[in-house]
Amino acid sequence: MGLLPALRSGGVFEQGAKVSDIDSGVFRNVLGHFATGVTAVTAVNDGQPVGMAIGSFTSVSLDPPLVAFLPGKESGSWEEIRASGSFCVNVMGQDQMEVCGVMASRSDDKFADVEWSPGPSGSPIIAGSIAYIDCEIEAIHDGGDHHIVVGRVIELEVLESKEPLLFFQGNYGTFG
């Protein structure tokens, strides 16, 4: 029994099923049962602040200090962040649902009503964030329909102690 069974689109377990046999709706539903923290990844490109909401953020290494996030390959915001060469991960608090919505939108000016200050890389640190992790892009790897972006941490700090914003089963929420 060396291989774990995989769920097929018909809902039947089959030993050694290929990834292409897994229905994307089932995949999204199952993984939606894993709660994730919500971040806003920001940068400045051509003098303009840019940002995007990201739930796929993780620590990678303590030595050297590395983190990663996974933007969709088709994201215009990601292309602007990539061009800047650096980024800042803003850990969103439960009271920042509106800011998160703006960062998740396709708005041309996501920072029109968002207060921020520049981090060491120049990337926006969003006011009211729980913490920030300012990074330089270290590597970009292929991840299917996403990129795996590894950042070398240049500065990080906890700004406020409050409940985090979480994403679970397609909705935003908190612990309470």
Protein backbone atom coordinates (compact mmCIF):
# COMPACT_ATOMS: atom_id res chain seq x y z
CA MET A 1 0.00 0.00 0.00
CA GLY A 2 2.85 2.41 -0.81
CA LEU A 3 0.70 5.09 -2.49
CA LEU A 4 -1.98 7.12 -0.77
CA PRO A 5 -5.37 6.99 -2.47
CA ALA A 6 -6.45 10.09 -4.39
CA LEU A 7 -10.00 11.39 -4.71
CA ARG A 8 -11.31 11.20 -8.25
CA SER A 9 -13.92 13.55 -9.68
CA GLY A 10 -16.57 10.85 -9.25
CA GLY A 11 -15.94 10.78 -5.49
CA VAL A 12 -14.33 7.32 -5.64
CA PHE A 13 -10.95 6.57 -4.12
CA GLU A 14 -8.54 4.93 -6.53
CA GLN A 15 -4.99 3.86 -5.81
CA GLY A 16 -2.47 6.00 -7.75
CA ALA A 17 -4.95 8.36 -9.44
CA LYS A 18 -3.30 11.01 -11.59
CA VAL A 19 -3.53 14.67 -10.62
CA SER A 20 -5.45 15.34 -13.83
CA ASP A 21 -8.14 12.97 -12.55
CA ILE A 22 -8.89 15.20 -9.55
CA ASP A 23 -11.85 17.52 -10.10
CA SER A 24 -10.83 21.16 -9.48
CA GLY A 25 -14.11 21.87 -7.65
CA VAL A 26 -13.50 18.98 -5.24
CA PHE A 27 -9.88 20.11 -4.80
CA ARG A 28 -10.94 23.69 -3.98
CA ASN A 29 -13.69 22.48 -1.60
CA VAL A 30 -11.41 20.14 0.36
CA LEU A 31 -8.59 22.68 0.68
CA GLY A 32 -11.15 25.35 1.64
CA HIS A 33 -11.55 23.47 4.92
CA PHE A 34 -8.04 24.56 5.90
CA ALA A 35 -8.12 27.97 7.57
CA THR A 36 -5.42 30.40 6.43
CA GLY A 37 -4.24 33.72 7.71
CA VAL A 38 -4.79 36.69 5.41
CA THR A 39 -1.99 38.95 4.26
CA ALA A 40 -1.63 41.86 1.88
CA VAL A 41 1.53 41.69 -0.20
CA THR A 42 2.58 45.18 -1.29
CA ALA A 43 5.29 46.91 -3.31
CA VAL A 44 6.02 50.17 -5.10
CA ASN A 45 6.44 49.98 -8.87
CA ASP A 46 7.17 53.06 -10.99
CA GLY A 47 6.48 55.24 -7.94
CA GLN A 48 2.99 53.80 -7.38
CA PRO A 49 1.96 51.49 -4.51
CA VAL A 50 0.54 48.13 -5.57
CA GLY A 51 -0.89 45.30 -3.52
CA MET A 52 -2.77 42.03 -3.48
CA ALA A 53 -4.53 39.87 -0.89
CA ILE A 54 -2.72 36.57 -0.28
CA GLY A 55 -3.72 33.59 1.86
CA SER A 56 -0.90 31.35 0.64
CA PHE A 57 1.92 32.77 2.78
CA THR A 58 4.42 30.74 4.79
CA SER A 59 7.77 30.85 6.51
CA VAL A 60 10.49 28.91 4.69
CA SER A 61 13.79 29.17 6.58
CA LEU A 62 15.27 30.68 9.73
CA ASP A 63 18.84 30.73 8.39
CA PRO A 64 18.76 32.54 6.08
CA PRO A 65 15.43 34.18 6.96
CA LEU A 66 13.11 33.33 4.05
CA VAL A 67 9.34 33.47 3.52
CA ALA A 68 7.15 32.59 0.53
CA PHE A 69 3.82 33.42 -1.05
CA LEU A 70 2.03 31.99 -4.08
CA PRO A 71 0.47 34.50 -6.51
CA GLY A 72 -1.52 33.38 -9.54
CA LYS A 73 0.45 33.56 -12.77
CA GLU A 74 -2.28 35.65 -14.41
CA SER A 75 -2.31 38.34 -11.68
CA GLY A 76 -1.55 41.85 -12.91
CA SER A 77 -0.78 42.95 -9.36
CA TRP A 78 1.81 40.19 -9.06
CA GLU A 79 3.52 41.35 -12.28
CA GLU A 80 3.85 44.86 -10.82
CA ILE A 81 5.21 43.48 -7.53
CA ARG A 82 7.64 41.23 -9.42
CA ALA A 83 8.95 44.19 -11.43
CA SER A 84 9.74 46.07 -8.19
CA GLY A 85 12.14 43.35 -6.97
CA SER A 86 10.89 43.55 -3.40
CA PHE A 87 7.70 43.20 -1.39
CA CYS A 88 6.20 43.62 2.06
CA VAL A 89 3.88 41.08 3.64
CA ASN A 90 1.29 42.81 5.86
CA VAL A 91 -0.43 40.47 8.33
CA MET A 92 -4.08 41.54 8.34
CA GLY A 93 -6.07 41.97 11.53
CA GLN A 94 -9.73 41.03 11.95
CA ASP A 95 -10.64 44.72 11.74
CA GLN A 96 -9.04 45.04 8.27
CA MET A 97 -11.60 43.08 6.25
CA GLU A 98 -12.37 46.18 4.14
CA VAL A 99 -8.68 46.76 3.36
CA CYS A 100 -8.37 43.11 2.42
CA GLY A 101 -11.32 43.46 0.06
CA VAL A 102 -9.66 46.40 -1.65
CA MET A 103 -6.38 44.46 -1.99
CA ALA A 104 -8.31 41.52 -3.49
CA SER A 105 -10.07 43.78 -6.01
CA ARG A 106 -8.98 44.72 -9.52
CA SER A 107 -9.02 48.42 -8.66
CA ASP A 108 -6.45 50.59 -10.42
CA ASP A 109 -5.74 52.56 -7.23
CA LYS A 110 -5.97 50.19 -4.27
CA PHE A 111 -4.24 52.70 -2.01
CA ALA A 112 -6.59 55.67 -2.59
CA ASP A 113 -8.14 55.22 0.87
CA VAL A 114 -5.49 53.02 2.53
CA GLU A 115 -3.04 54.64 4.94
CA TRP A 116 0.51 53.34 4.64
CA SER A 117 4.16 54.17 5.19
CA PRO A 118 7.21 52.88 3.31
CA GLY A 119 9.22 49.99 4.72
CA PRO A 120 12.99 49.63 4.23
CA SER A 121 12.46 48.37 0.67
CA GLY A 122 10.03 51.21 -0.04
CA SER A 123 7.12 48.75 -0.07
CA PRO A 124 3.96 49.85 1.76
CA ILE A 125 3.44 48.92 5.38
CA ILE A 126 -0.34 49.18 5.78
CA ALA A 127 -1.51 51.08 8.86
CA GLY A 128 -3.30 48.84 11.35
CA SER A 129 -1.55 45.63 10.26
CA ILE A 130 -0.62 43.17 12.98
CA ALA A 131 2.91 42.78 11.62
CA TYR A 132 4.98 43.30 8.51
CA ILE A 133 7.75 41.31 6.84
CA ASP A 134 9.75 43.38 4.33
CA CYS A 135 11.61 41.31 1.72
CA GLU A 136 13.69 41.25 -1.41
CA ILE A 137 12.69 38.69 -4.04
CA GLU A 138 15.15 35.80 -3.67
CA ALA A 139 13.71 33.26 -6.14
CA ILE A 140 10.63 32.51 -8.19
CA HIS A 141 9.67 28.89 -8.85
CA ASP A 142 7.02 27.29 -11.01
CA GLY A 143 3.98 26.08 -9.10
CA GLY A 144 1.47 25.04 -11.75
CA ASP A 145 -0.94 27.93 -12.29
CA HIS A 146 0.86 29.87 -9.54
CA HIS A 147 4.40 31.05 -8.86
CA ILE A 148 6.20 30.20 -5.63
CA VAL A 149 7.88 33.45 -4.64
CA VAL A 150 10.63 33.21 -2.05
CA GLY A 151 11.62 36.41 -0.27
CA ARG A 152 14.70 37.15 1.80
CA VAL A 153 13.58 39.03 4.90
CA ILE A 154 15.31 42.36 5.40
CA GLU A 155 13.16 43.63 8.28
CA LEU A 156 10.12 42.50 10.24
CA GLU A 157 8.16 43.72 13.22
CA VAL A 158 4.99 43.11 15.21
CA LEU A 159 3.02 46.36 15.22
CA GLU A 160 -0.19 45.48 17.09
CA SER A 161 -1.44 42.60 19.18
CA LYS A 162 -4.98 41.79 17.99
CA GLU A 163 -7.04 39.01 16.44
CA PRO A 164 -5.91 37.96 12.94
CA LEU A 165 -8.11 37.92 9.86
CA LEU A 166 -8.70 34.36 8.69
CA PHE A 167 -10.05 32.84 5.48
CA PHE A 168 -12.10 29.63 5.81
CA GLN A 169 -14.58 27.96 3.47
CA GLY A 170 -14.75 31.00 1.19
CA ASN A 171 -15.37 33.53 3.97
CA TYR A 172 -13.37 35.91 6.12
CA GLY A 173 -13.55 35.58 9.87
CA THR A 174 -11.65 35.41 13.15
CA PHE A 175 -11.26 33.12 16.17
CA GLY A 176 -14.25 34.54 18.05
